[in-house]
Amino acid sequence: MAVSVMKEDVAQYKKELILRAAGELFFQHGYTATTTDALTERLSVSKTMIYQHFRSKLEMLSIICERAVSESVAVAAEAAMLPGPADERLTRLVHDFTLVVIEHHQWIAISYRELNTPPEDVRQRIIAKQEEFDRIARTLIEDGVRDGVFRVADPAATALAIAGMIIWVHTWYRAAGRLQPEEIAATLAQSALRMVGVDREHG
């Protein structure tokens, strides 16, 4: 049993290494220009090893495009279900979503560039998850309006505006930049609160 689990862990570790390297190459050179040979050279492994874990380059791209949005939905759902007032839950949602975008900024950039490249079923899953995220954020803002915490005329439009503000981080974030991820997350959380009519800086 222990040996079997260990083998699964090793296999998963190798898959993650391959995905990370593929993501770096797709980001730097583009999906079309990245060859399997370039990937094997980056990892110093054989093509056989690559194909033991992935059927094709397209499968790697599909996983990359889907994973960031999946993690975004997960952190949004977790934040929305927390106990406490809507402003605290929105702060948590924006903070955690921002950190996901920063962590996966290269993969998000790839997913926007290659929007129509994954198979139709993958694209439909991504769209469904994006819609789920929008619904979670909208419902949270509606809760805040109902409870008198937020002052918003259109919760749906406000939710989209907040999500857009955060997702745009992938275009300008740099690891060597002036602000650390936590600082960016805190700044955007404060901006989101102002967008819903809450200004904690001034009470």
N, C-alpha and C. Protein backbone atom coordinates (compact mmCIF):
# COMPACT_ATOMS: atom_id res chain seq x y z
N MET A 1 0.82 -1.20 0.00
CA MET A 1 0.00 0.00 0.00
C MET A 1 0.86 1.26 0.00
N ALA A 2 1.86 1.30 0.90
CA ALA A 2 2.75 2.45 1.00
C ALA A 2 3.54 2.65 -0.28
N VAL A 3 4.00 1.54 -0.88
CA VAL A 3 4.76 1.61 -2.12
C VAL A 3 3.89 2.17 -3.24
N SER A 4 2.63 1.73 -3.30
CA SER A 4 1.70 2.20 -4.32
C SER A 4 1.46 3.69 -4.20
N VAL A 5 1.26 4.15 -2.98
CA VAL A 5 1.04 5.58 -2.74
C VAL A 5 2.27 6.38 -3.13
N MET A 6 3.44 5.84 -2.80
CA MET A 6 4.68 6.53 -3.12
C MET A 6 4.86 6.66 -4.63
N LYS A 7 4.51 5.59 -5.37
CA LYS A 7 4.61 5.64 -6.83
C LYS A 7 3.67 6.69 -7.40
N GLU A 8 2.47 6.76 -6.84
CA GLU A 8 1.50 7.77 -7.29
C GLU A 8 2.02 9.18 -7.02
N ASP A 9 2.64 9.37 -5.86
CA ASP A 9 3.19 10.68 -5.51
C ASP A 9 4.31 11.07 -6.47
N VAL A 10 5.17 10.11 -6.79
CA VAL A 10 6.28 10.37 -7.71
C VAL A 10 5.74 10.71 -9.10
N ALA A 11 4.73 9.96 -9.54
CA ALA A 11 4.13 10.21 -10.85
C ALA A 11 3.50 11.60 -10.90
N GLN A 12 2.81 11.97 -9.83
CA GLN A 12 2.19 13.30 -9.78
C GLN A 12 3.25 14.40 -9.77
N TYR A 13 4.33 14.16 -9.06
CA TYR A 13 5.43 15.12 -9.01
C TYR A 13 6.02 15.33 -10.41
N LYS A 14 6.21 14.24 -11.13
CA LYS A 14 6.75 14.33 -12.49
C LYS A 14 5.79 15.08 -13.41
N LYS A 15 4.50 14.81 -13.27
CA LYS A 15 3.50 15.52 -14.07
C LYS A 15 3.55 17.02 -13.82
N GLU A 16 3.69 17.39 -12.56
CA GLU A 16 3.75 18.81 -12.22
C GLU A 16 5.00 19.46 -12.79
N LEU A 17 6.12 18.75 -12.76
CA LEU A 17 7.35 19.28 -13.35
C LEU A 17 7.19 19.52 -14.84
N ILE A 18 6.57 18.56 -15.52
CA ILE A 18 6.35 18.69 -16.96
C ILE A 18 5.42 19.86 -17.25
N LEU A 19 4.33 19.96 -16.50
CA LEU A 19 3.38 21.06 -16.70
C LEU A 19 4.05 22.41 -16.48
N ARG A 20 4.84 22.51 -15.42
CA ARG A 20 5.51 23.77 -15.12
C ARG A 20 6.45 24.17 -16.25
N ALA A 21 7.22 23.21 -16.74
CA ALA A 21 8.14 23.49 -17.83
C ALA A 21 7.39 23.85 -19.11
N ALA A 22 6.31 23.12 -19.39
CA ALA A 22 5.50 23.41 -20.57
C ALA A 22 4.92 24.81 -20.47
N GLY A 23 4.42 25.17 -19.28
CA GLY A 23 3.86 26.51 -19.09
C GLY A 23 4.89 27.59 -19.33
N GLU A 24 6.10 27.39 -18.84
CA GLU A 24 7.16 28.38 -19.05
C GLU A 24 7.47 28.55 -20.54
N LEU A 25 7.53 27.43 -21.25
CA LEU A 25 7.84 27.49 -22.68
C LEU A 25 6.69 28.10 -23.47
N PHE A 26 5.45 27.71 -23.16
CA PHE A 26 4.30 28.30 -23.84
C PHE A 26 4.26 29.81 -23.61
N PHE A 27 4.58 30.23 -22.39
CA PHE A 27 4.55 31.65 -22.05
C PHE A 27 5.66 32.41 -22.79
N GLN A 28 6.85 31.82 -22.84
CA GLN A 28 7.99 32.51 -23.43
C GLN A 28 7.97 32.50 -24.95
N HIS A 29 7.54 31.38 -25.55
CA HIS A 29 7.67 31.22 -27.00
C HIS A 29 6.34 31.05 -27.73
N GLY A 30 5.26 30.87 -26.98
CA GLY A 30 3.97 30.60 -27.61
C GLY A 30 3.72 29.11 -27.73
N TYR A 31 2.46 28.74 -27.71
CA TYR A 31 2.10 27.32 -27.77
C TYR A 31 2.54 26.69 -29.09
N THR A 32 2.24 27.34 -30.20
CA THR A 32 2.54 26.76 -31.51
C THR A 32 4.04 26.57 -31.72
N ALA A 33 4.82 27.55 -31.27
CA ALA A 33 6.27 27.49 -31.50
C ALA A 33 6.98 26.53 -30.55
N THR A 34 6.32 26.12 -29.50
CA THR A 34 6.95 25.20 -28.53
C THR A 34 6.81 23.77 -29.02
N THR A 35 7.93 23.09 -29.17
CA THR A 35 7.92 21.70 -29.62
C THR A 35 8.15 20.76 -28.44
N THR A 36 7.78 19.51 -28.66
CA THR A 36 8.06 18.51 -27.63
C THR A 36 9.55 18.36 -27.41
N ASP A 37 10.33 18.53 -28.49
CA ASP A 37 11.79 18.47 -28.35
C ASP A 37 12.29 19.56 -27.40
N ALA A 38 11.71 20.75 -27.51
CA ALA A 38 12.11 21.84 -26.62
C ALA A 38 11.79 21.50 -25.17
N LEU A 39 10.67 20.83 -24.97
CA LEU A 39 10.26 20.44 -23.62
C LEU A 39 11.20 19.38 -23.05
N THR A 40 11.54 18.39 -23.87
CA THR A 40 12.46 17.34 -23.39
C THR A 40 13.84 17.93 -23.10
N GLU A 41 14.24 18.91 -23.91
CA GLU A 41 15.53 19.55 -23.66
C GLU A 41 15.50 20.35 -22.36
N ARG A 42 14.40 21.05 -22.12
CA ARG A 42 14.28 21.84 -20.89
C ARG A 42 14.36 20.95 -19.65
N LEU A 43 13.75 19.78 -19.74
CA LEU A 43 13.67 18.88 -18.59
C LEU A 43 14.78 17.83 -18.55
N SER A 44 15.53 17.72 -19.65
CA SER A 44 16.57 16.69 -19.77
C SER A 44 15.97 15.29 -19.58
N VAL A 45 14.86 15.06 -20.28
CA VAL A 45 14.21 13.75 -20.23
C VAL A 45 13.89 13.31 -21.66
N SER A 46 13.42 12.08 -21.79
CA SER A 46 13.07 11.55 -23.11
C SER A 46 11.61 11.86 -23.44
N LYS A 47 11.27 11.77 -24.72
CA LYS A 47 9.87 11.94 -25.13
C LYS A 47 9.00 10.85 -24.51
N THR A 48 9.57 9.67 -24.36
CA THR A 48 8.81 8.57 -23.76
C THR A 48 8.32 8.95 -22.38
N MET A 49 9.19 9.60 -21.61
CA MET A 49 8.81 10.01 -20.26
C MET A 49 7.67 11.03 -20.32
N ILE A 50 7.74 11.95 -21.26
CA ILE A 50 6.67 12.96 -21.41
C ILE A 50 5.35 12.26 -21.72
N TYR A 51 5.39 11.34 -22.68
CA TYR A 51 4.15 10.69 -23.13
C TYR A 51 3.63 9.63 -22.17
N GLN A 52 4.41 9.31 -21.17
CA GLN A 52 3.90 8.44 -20.10
C GLN A 52 2.87 9.19 -19.26
N HIS A 53 2.97 10.50 -19.26
CA HIS A 53 2.11 11.32 -18.39
C HIS A 53 1.09 12.16 -19.16
N PHE A 54 1.37 12.47 -20.41
CA PHE A 54 0.46 13.30 -21.21
C PHE A 54 0.34 12.73 -22.62
N ARG A 55 -0.88 12.72 -23.14
CA ARG A 55 -1.10 12.19 -24.48
C ARG A 55 -0.52 13.10 -25.55
N SER A 56 -0.52 14.40 -25.28
CA SER A 56 -0.11 15.35 -26.31
C SER A 56 0.20 16.71 -25.69
N LYS A 57 0.78 17.56 -26.51
CA LYS A 57 1.02 18.94 -26.10
C LYS A 57 -0.30 19.66 -25.84
N LEU A 58 -1.31 19.30 -26.62
CA LEU A 58 -2.63 19.92 -26.45
C LEU A 58 -3.23 19.58 -25.09
N GLU A 59 -3.00 18.37 -24.62
CA GLU A 59 -3.51 18.01 -23.30
C GLU A 59 -2.86 18.87 -22.22
N MET A 60 -1.56 19.11 -22.35
CA MET A 60 -0.89 19.98 -21.38
C MET A 60 -1.49 21.37 -21.40
N LEU A 61 -1.70 21.91 -22.59
CA LEU A 61 -2.29 23.24 -22.70
C LEU A 61 -3.68 23.28 -22.07
N SER A 62 -4.47 22.26 -22.32
CA SER A 62 -5.83 22.21 -21.79
C SER A 62 -5.83 22.23 -20.27
N ILE A 63 -4.93 21.47 -19.67
CA ILE A 63 -4.84 21.44 -18.20
C ILE A 63 -4.41 22.80 -17.67
N ILE A 64 -3.43 23.40 -18.32
CA ILE A 64 -2.95 24.72 -17.91
C ILE A 64 -4.07 25.75 -17.97
N CYS A 65 -4.83 25.74 -19.06
CA CYS A 65 -5.91 26.72 -19.23
C CYS A 65 -7.02 26.53 -18.21
N GLU A 66 -7.25 25.29 -17.82
CA GLU A 66 -8.37 24.99 -16.93
C GLU A 66 -8.02 25.14 -15.45
N ARG A 67 -6.76 24.93 -15.12
CA ARG A 67 -6.43 24.85 -13.69
C ARG A 67 -6.58 26.19 -12.96
N ALA A 68 -6.09 27.27 -13.57
CA ALA A 68 -6.15 28.55 -12.86
C ALA A 68 -7.59 28.97 -12.57
N VAL A 69 -8.48 28.77 -13.55
CA VAL A 69 -9.87 29.15 -13.31
C VAL A 69 -10.51 28.24 -12.27
N SER A 70 -10.11 26.98 -12.25
CA SER A 70 -10.64 26.05 -11.23
C SER A 70 -10.23 26.50 -9.83
N GLU A 71 -8.97 26.91 -9.67
CA GLU A 71 -8.51 27.37 -8.37
C GLU A 71 -9.19 28.67 -7.97
N SER A 72 -9.46 29.52 -8.96
CA SER A 72 -10.16 30.78 -8.69
C SER A 72 -11.55 30.52 -8.13
N VAL A 73 -12.26 29.58 -8.75
CA VAL A 73 -13.60 29.22 -8.27
C VAL A 73 -13.53 28.65 -6.86
N ALA A 74 -12.52 27.83 -6.61
CA ALA A 74 -12.40 27.19 -5.29
C ALA A 74 -12.20 28.22 -4.19
N VAL A 75 -11.31 29.20 -4.41
CA VAL A 75 -11.08 30.19 -3.35
C VAL A 75 -12.27 31.12 -3.21
N ALA A 76 -12.96 31.41 -4.32
CA ALA A 76 -14.15 32.26 -4.24
C ALA A 76 -15.25 31.58 -3.44
N ALA A 77 -15.48 30.31 -3.72
CA ALA A 77 -16.52 29.56 -3.02
C ALA A 77 -16.21 29.46 -1.53
N GLU A 78 -14.94 29.22 -1.22
CA GLU A 78 -14.55 29.11 0.19
C GLU A 78 -14.77 30.43 0.92
N ALA A 79 -14.38 31.54 0.29
CA ALA A 79 -14.55 32.85 0.92
C ALA A 79 -16.01 33.20 1.10
N ALA A 80 -16.82 32.90 0.09
CA ALA A 80 -18.24 33.25 0.15
C ALA A 80 -18.97 32.49 1.24
N MET A 81 -18.51 31.30 1.58
CA MET A 81 -19.19 30.47 2.58
C MET A 81 -18.73 30.74 4.01
N LEU A 82 -17.75 31.61 4.17
CA LEU A 82 -17.27 31.91 5.51
C LEU A 82 -18.35 32.59 6.34
N PRO A 83 -18.33 32.41 7.65
CA PRO A 83 -19.24 33.17 8.50
C PRO A 83 -18.78 34.63 8.56
N GLY A 84 -19.68 35.52 8.91
CA GLY A 84 -19.29 36.91 9.04
C GLY A 84 -19.94 37.80 8.01
N PRO A 85 -19.77 39.12 8.15
CA PRO A 85 -20.41 40.07 7.25
C PRO A 85 -19.85 40.01 5.83
N ALA A 86 -20.63 40.55 4.90
CA ALA A 86 -20.27 40.47 3.48
C ALA A 86 -18.97 41.18 3.17
N ASP A 87 -18.66 42.28 3.86
CA ASP A 87 -17.43 43.00 3.54
C ASP A 87 -16.19 42.17 3.89
N GLU A 88 -16.27 41.41 4.98
CA GLU A 88 -15.15 40.54 5.34
C GLU A 88 -15.00 39.39 4.35
N ARG A 89 -16.12 38.86 3.90
CA ARG A 89 -16.06 37.75 2.94
C ARG A 89 -15.56 38.24 1.58
N LEU A 90 -15.98 39.44 1.18
CA LEU A 90 -15.50 39.99 -0.09
C LEU A 90 -14.00 40.28 -0.01
N THR A 91 -13.56 40.79 1.11
CA THR A 91 -12.13 41.03 1.30
C THR A 91 -11.34 39.74 1.13
N ARG A 92 -11.81 38.69 1.75
CA ARG A 92 -11.14 37.39 1.65
C ARG A 92 -11.16 36.89 0.21
N LEU A 93 -12.30 37.01 -0.47
CA LEU A 93 -12.41 36.54 -1.85
C LEU A 93 -11.41 37.26 -2.74
N VAL A 94 -11.39 38.59 -2.65
CA VAL A 94 -10.49 39.37 -3.52
C VAL A 94 -9.03 39.07 -3.18
N HIS A 95 -8.72 39.01 -1.91
CA HIS A 95 -7.35 38.71 -1.47
C HIS A 95 -6.87 37.37 -2.03
N ASP A 96 -7.67 36.33 -1.82
CA ASP A 96 -7.24 34.99 -2.23
C ASP A 96 -7.25 34.83 -3.74
N PHE A 97 -8.22 35.43 -4.41
CA PHE A 97 -8.28 35.38 -5.87
C PHE A 97 -7.06 36.07 -6.46
N THR A 98 -6.68 37.21 -5.89
CA THR A 98 -5.50 37.93 -6.37
C THR A 98 -4.25 37.06 -6.26
N LEU A 99 -4.11 36.36 -5.16
CA LEU A 99 -2.93 35.50 -4.99
C LEU A 99 -2.92 34.35 -5.99
N VAL A 100 -4.10 33.82 -6.33
CA VAL A 100 -4.18 32.79 -7.37
C VAL A 100 -3.73 33.35 -8.71
N VAL A 101 -4.20 34.55 -9.04
CA VAL A 101 -3.82 35.18 -10.31
C VAL A 101 -2.32 35.42 -10.36
N ILE A 102 -1.75 35.88 -9.26
CA ILE A 102 -0.31 36.12 -9.22
C ILE A 102 0.46 34.81 -9.37
N GLU A 103 0.05 33.80 -8.62
CA GLU A 103 0.74 32.52 -8.69
C GLU A 103 0.71 31.92 -10.09
N HIS A 104 -0.42 32.09 -10.77
CA HIS A 104 -0.60 31.48 -12.09
C HIS A 104 -0.62 32.52 -13.21
N HIS A 105 0.06 33.66 -13.03
CA HIS A 105 -0.07 34.73 -14.03
C HIS A 105 0.41 34.30 -15.41
N GLN A 106 1.43 33.45 -15.47
CA GLN A 106 1.88 32.98 -16.78
C GLN A 106 0.82 32.08 -17.42
N TRP A 107 0.24 31.20 -16.64
CA TRP A 107 -0.77 30.28 -17.18
C TRP A 107 -2.02 31.05 -17.62
N ILE A 108 -2.39 32.08 -16.87
CA ILE A 108 -3.55 32.89 -17.26
C ILE A 108 -3.27 33.61 -18.57
N ALA A 109 -2.06 34.14 -18.71
CA ALA A 109 -1.68 34.78 -19.97
C ALA A 109 -1.78 33.80 -21.13
N ILE A 110 -1.32 32.58 -20.91
CA ILE A 110 -1.40 31.55 -21.95
C ILE A 110 -2.86 31.27 -22.31
N SER A 111 -3.72 31.16 -21.31
CA SER A 111 -5.12 30.83 -21.56
C SER A 111 -5.81 31.91 -22.37
N TYR A 112 -5.43 33.17 -22.18
CA TYR A 112 -6.01 34.25 -22.97
C TYR A 112 -5.48 34.24 -24.40
N ARG A 113 -4.18 33.98 -24.55
CA ARG A 113 -3.60 33.91 -25.89
C ARG A 113 -4.19 32.76 -26.70
N GLU A 114 -4.37 31.64 -26.04
CA GLU A 114 -4.79 30.41 -26.72
C GLU A 114 -6.26 30.09 -26.44
N LEU A 115 -7.06 31.12 -26.36
CA LEU A 115 -8.46 30.99 -25.95
C LEU A 115 -9.21 29.93 -26.75
N ASN A 116 -8.95 29.85 -28.05
CA ASN A 116 -9.70 28.95 -28.92
C ASN A 116 -8.95 27.68 -29.29
N THR A 117 -7.81 27.44 -28.67
CA THR A 117 -7.01 26.27 -29.02
C THR A 117 -7.46 24.98 -28.36
N PRO A 118 -7.82 24.98 -27.08
CA PRO A 118 -8.24 23.72 -26.45
C PRO A 118 -9.48 23.14 -27.11
N PRO A 119 -9.73 21.85 -26.95
CA PRO A 119 -10.94 21.23 -27.51
C PRO A 119 -12.21 21.88 -26.97
N GLU A 120 -13.29 21.71 -27.71
CA GLU A 120 -14.56 22.35 -27.35
C GLU A 120 -15.01 21.99 -25.94
N ASP A 121 -14.86 20.73 -25.54
CA ASP A 121 -15.33 20.34 -24.20
C ASP A 121 -14.54 21.05 -23.11
N VAL A 122 -13.25 21.25 -23.34
CA VAL A 122 -12.44 21.98 -22.37
C VAL A 122 -12.86 23.44 -22.32
N ARG A 123 -13.07 24.04 -23.48
CA ARG A 123 -13.50 25.44 -23.52
C ARG A 123 -14.83 25.62 -22.80
N GLN A 124 -15.74 24.69 -22.98
CA GLN A 124 -17.04 24.79 -22.33
C GLN A 124 -16.91 24.65 -20.81
N ARG A 125 -16.01 23.81 -20.35
CA ARG A 125 -15.78 23.68 -18.91
C ARG A 125 -15.20 24.96 -18.33
N ILE A 126 -14.29 25.56 -19.07
CA ILE A 126 -13.69 26.82 -18.62
C ILE A 126 -14.75 27.91 -18.53
N ILE A 127 -15.58 28.01 -19.56
CA ILE A 127 -16.65 29.01 -19.56
C ILE A 127 -17.60 28.79 -18.39
N ALA A 128 -17.95 27.53 -18.15
CA ALA A 128 -18.86 27.21 -17.04
C ALA A 128 -18.25 27.61 -15.70
N LYS A 129 -16.95 27.39 -15.54
CA LYS A 129 -16.30 27.76 -14.29
C LYS A 129 -16.19 29.27 -14.14
N GLN A 130 -15.95 29.97 -15.24
CA GLN A 130 -15.92 31.43 -15.19
C GLN A 130 -17.29 31.97 -14.79
N GLU A 131 -18.34 31.38 -15.34
CA GLU A 131 -19.69 31.80 -14.99
C GLU A 131 -20.00 31.49 -13.53
N GLU A 132 -19.48 30.37 -13.04
CA GLU A 132 -19.69 30.03 -11.63
C GLU A 132 -19.00 31.05 -10.72
N PHE A 133 -17.79 31.45 -11.10
CA PHE A 133 -17.09 32.47 -10.31
C PHE A 133 -17.89 33.76 -10.29
N ASP A 134 -18.37 34.19 -11.47
CA ASP A 134 -19.15 35.43 -11.55
C ASP A 134 -20.40 35.34 -10.68
N ARG A 135 -21.03 34.18 -10.67
CA ARG A 135 -22.25 33.99 -9.86
C ARG A 135 -21.93 34.09 -8.37
N ILE A 136 -20.83 33.48 -7.95
CA ILE A 136 -20.44 33.54 -6.54
C ILE A 136 -20.18 34.98 -6.11
N ALA A 137 -19.42 35.71 -6.93
CA ALA A 137 -19.10 37.10 -6.59
C ALA A 137 -20.36 37.96 -6.59
N ARG A 138 -21.21 37.77 -7.59
CA ARG A 138 -22.46 38.56 -7.67
C ARG A 138 -23.35 38.29 -6.46
N THR A 139 -23.50 37.03 -6.10
CA THR A 139 -24.36 36.67 -4.96
C THR A 139 -23.82 37.26 -3.66
N LEU A 140 -22.51 37.26 -3.50
CA LEU A 140 -21.91 37.84 -2.31
C LEU A 140 -22.20 39.34 -2.23
N ILE A 141 -22.09 40.01 -3.36
CA ILE A 141 -22.38 41.45 -3.39
C ILE A 141 -23.86 41.70 -3.13
N GLU A 142 -24.71 40.87 -3.70
CA GLU A 142 -26.16 40.99 -3.43
C GLU A 142 -26.46 40.81 -1.94
N ASP A 143 -25.76 39.88 -1.31
CA ASP A 143 -25.92 39.68 0.14
C ASP A 143 -25.57 40.96 0.89
N GLY A 144 -24.46 41.58 0.47
CA GLY A 144 -24.03 42.81 1.14
C GLY A 144 -25.00 43.95 0.95
N VAL A 145 -25.59 44.05 -0.24
CA VAL A 145 -26.60 45.08 -0.50
C VAL A 145 -27.83 44.83 0.37
N ARG A 146 -28.28 43.60 0.41
CA ARG A 146 -29.46 43.24 1.19
C ARG A 146 -29.26 43.53 2.68
N ASP A 147 -28.04 43.31 3.16
CA ASP A 147 -27.75 43.52 4.58
C ASP A 147 -27.40 44.97 4.90
N GLY A 148 -27.38 45.83 3.88
CA GLY A 148 -27.06 47.23 4.11
C GLY A 148 -25.59 47.52 4.27
N VAL A 149 -24.74 46.56 3.92
CA VAL A 149 -23.29 46.74 4.04
C VAL A 149 -22.72 47.40 2.79
N PHE A 150 -23.25 47.04 1.61
CA PHE A 150 -22.77 47.57 0.35
C PHE A 150 -23.80 48.53 -0.25
N ARG A 151 -23.29 49.53 -0.97
CA ARG A 151 -24.15 50.45 -1.73
C ARG A 151 -23.79 50.30 -3.20
N VAL A 152 -24.54 49.46 -3.88
CA VAL A 152 -24.26 49.10 -5.27
C VAL A 152 -25.55 49.12 -6.07
N ALA A 153 -25.54 49.78 -7.23
CA ALA A 153 -26.74 49.83 -8.07
C ALA A 153 -26.91 48.56 -8.87
N ASP A 154 -25.80 47.97 -9.33
CA ASP A 154 -25.86 46.79 -10.19
C ASP A 154 -24.83 45.76 -9.70
N PRO A 155 -25.24 44.82 -8.86
CA PRO A 155 -24.29 43.83 -8.33
C PRO A 155 -23.58 43.02 -9.41
N ALA A 156 -24.29 42.66 -10.48
CA ALA A 156 -23.68 41.85 -11.53
C ALA A 156 -22.55 42.61 -12.21
N ALA A 157 -22.80 43.87 -12.57
CA ALA A 157 -21.77 44.68 -13.23
C ALA A 157 -20.60 44.94 -12.29
N THR A 158 -20.90 45.16 -11.02
CA THR A 158 -19.84 45.41 -10.05
C THR A 158 -18.98 44.17 -9.85
N ALA A 159 -19.60 43.00 -9.81
CA ALA A 159 -18.85 41.76 -9.68
C ALA A 159 -17.91 41.56 -10.86
N LEU A 160 -18.38 41.85 -12.06
CA LEU A 160 -17.54 41.72 -13.25
C LEU A 160 -16.40 42.73 -13.22
N ALA A 161 -16.68 43.94 -12.75
CA ALA A 161 -15.64 44.97 -12.68
C ALA A 161 -14.54 44.57 -11.69
N ILE A 162 -14.94 44.03 -10.55
CA ILE A 162 -13.96 43.60 -9.55
C ILE A 162 -13.12 42.44 -10.09
N ALA A 163 -13.79 41.47 -10.71
CA ALA A 163 -13.06 40.32 -11.28
C ALA A 163 -12.10 40.78 -12.36
N GLY A 164 -12.54 41.72 -13.20
CA GLY A 164 -11.67 42.23 -14.26
C GLY A 164 -10.44 42.94 -13.71
N MET A 165 -10.65 43.72 -12.66
CA MET A 165 -9.53 44.43 -12.02
C MET A 165 -8.47 43.43 -11.56
N ILE A 166 -8.93 42.33 -10.99
CA ILE A 166 -7.99 41.36 -10.43
C ILE A 166 -7.32 40.54 -11.54
N ILE A 167 -8.10 40.07 -12.49
CA ILE A 167 -7.54 39.21 -13.53
C ILE A 167 -6.50 39.96 -14.35
N TRP A 168 -6.64 41.29 -14.43
CA TRP A 168 -5.70 42.10 -15.22
C TRP A 168 -4.30 42.11 -14.60
N VAL A 169 -4.20 41.71 -13.35
CA VAL A 169 -2.90 41.64 -12.69
C VAL A 169 -1.93 40.76 -13.47
N HIS A 170 -2.45 39.76 -14.17
CA HIS A 170 -1.55 38.86 -14.89
C HIS A 170 -0.75 39.57 -15.97
N THR A 171 -1.23 40.74 -16.43
CA THR A 171 -0.52 41.46 -17.49
C THR A 171 0.62 42.32 -16.97
N TRP A 172 0.56 42.70 -15.71
CA TRP A 172 1.60 43.62 -15.21
C TRP A 172 2.40 43.09 -14.03
N TYR A 173 1.98 42.00 -13.43
CA TYR A 173 2.73 41.49 -12.27
C TYR A 173 4.12 41.03 -12.69
N ARG A 174 5.12 41.42 -11.90
CA ARG A 174 6.49 40.95 -12.08
C ARG A 174 7.04 40.52 -10.72
N ALA A 175 7.64 39.37 -10.68
CA ALA A 175 8.16 38.85 -9.41
C ALA A 175 9.17 39.80 -8.78
N ALA A 176 9.91 40.53 -9.62
CA ALA A 176 10.92 41.47 -9.11
C ALA A 176 10.37 42.88 -8.98
N GLY A 177 9.05 43.02 -9.04
CA GLY A 177 8.43 44.33 -8.97
C GLY A 177 8.47 44.94 -7.59
N ARG A 178 7.93 46.16 -7.50
CA ARG A 178 7.98 46.93 -6.25
C ARG A 178 7.13 46.32 -5.15
N LEU A 179 5.98 45.76 -5.51
CA LEU A 179 5.04 45.25 -4.52
C LEU A 179 5.10 43.73 -4.42
N GLN A 180 5.02 43.24 -3.20
CA GLN A 180 4.94 41.81 -2.96
C GLN A 180 3.50 41.34 -3.18
N PRO A 181 3.30 40.04 -3.45
CA PRO A 181 1.94 39.54 -3.69
C PRO A 181 0.94 39.92 -2.60
N GLU A 182 1.33 39.81 -1.33
CA GLU A 182 0.41 40.15 -0.24
C GLU A 182 0.02 41.62 -0.27
N GLU A 183 0.96 42.48 -0.65
CA GLU A 183 0.67 43.92 -0.74
C GLU A 183 -0.31 44.19 -1.88
N ILE A 184 -0.11 43.52 -2.99
CA ILE A 184 -1.03 43.69 -4.12
C ILE A 184 -2.42 43.21 -3.73
N ALA A 185 -2.48 42.05 -3.08
CA ALA A 185 -3.78 41.49 -2.68
C ALA A 185 -4.50 42.42 -1.71
N ALA A 186 -3.77 43.01 -0.77
CA ALA A 186 -4.39 43.92 0.19
C ALA A 186 -4.87 45.20 -0.49
N THR A 187 -4.09 45.71 -1.43
CA THR A 187 -4.48 46.92 -2.15
C THR A 187 -5.74 46.69 -2.98
N LEU A 188 -5.81 45.58 -3.67
CA LEU A 188 -6.99 45.30 -4.50
C LEU A 188 -8.21 45.02 -3.64
N ALA A 189 -8.01 44.40 -2.49
CA ALA A 189 -9.14 44.17 -1.59
C ALA A 189 -9.72 45.49 -1.12
N GLN A 190 -8.86 46.46 -0.80
CA GLN A 190 -9.33 47.78 -0.39
C GLN A 190 -10.04 48.48 -1.55
N SER A 191 -9.51 48.33 -2.76
CA SER A 191 -10.16 48.93 -3.94
C SER A 191 -11.54 48.32 -4.17
N ALA A 192 -11.64 47.00 -4.00
CA ALA A 192 -12.93 46.33 -4.19
C ALA A 192 -13.96 46.82 -3.18
N LEU A 193 -13.53 47.03 -1.94
CA LEU A 193 -14.46 47.53 -0.92
C LEU A 193 -14.97 48.92 -1.29
N ARG A 194 -14.08 49.76 -1.81
CA ARG A 194 -14.52 51.09 -2.23
C ARG A 194 -15.52 50.99 -3.38
N MET A 195 -15.33 50.00 -4.25
CA MET A 195 -16.24 49.83 -5.39
C MET A 195 -17.65 49.44 -4.94
N VAL A 196 -17.76 48.85 -3.75
CA VAL A 196 -19.09 48.48 -3.25
C VAL A 196 -19.56 49.44 -2.16
N GLY A 197 -18.85 50.58 -2.03
CA GLY A 197 -19.32 51.61 -1.12
C GLY A 197 -18.83 51.51 0.29
N VAL A 198 -17.74 50.77 0.52
CA VAL A 198 -17.16 50.63 1.86
C VAL A 198 -15.77 51.24 1.82
N ASP A 199 -15.46 52.10 2.78
CA ASP A 199 -14.13 52.70 2.85
C ASP A 199 -13.59 52.50 4.26
N ARG A 200 -12.87 51.43 4.46
CA ARG A 200 -12.35 51.12 5.80
C ARG A 200 -11.27 52.09 6.24
N GLU A 201 -10.58 52.70 5.26
CA GLU A 201 -9.50 53.61 5.62
C GLU A 201 -10.03 54.83 6.37
N HIS A 202 -11.31 55.13 6.13
CA HIS A 202 -11.90 56.31 6.76
C HIS A 202 -13.13 55.92 7.57
N GLY A 203 -13.05 54.72 8.19
CA GLY A 203 -14.14 54.28 9.04
C GLY A 203 -15.29 53.75 8.27
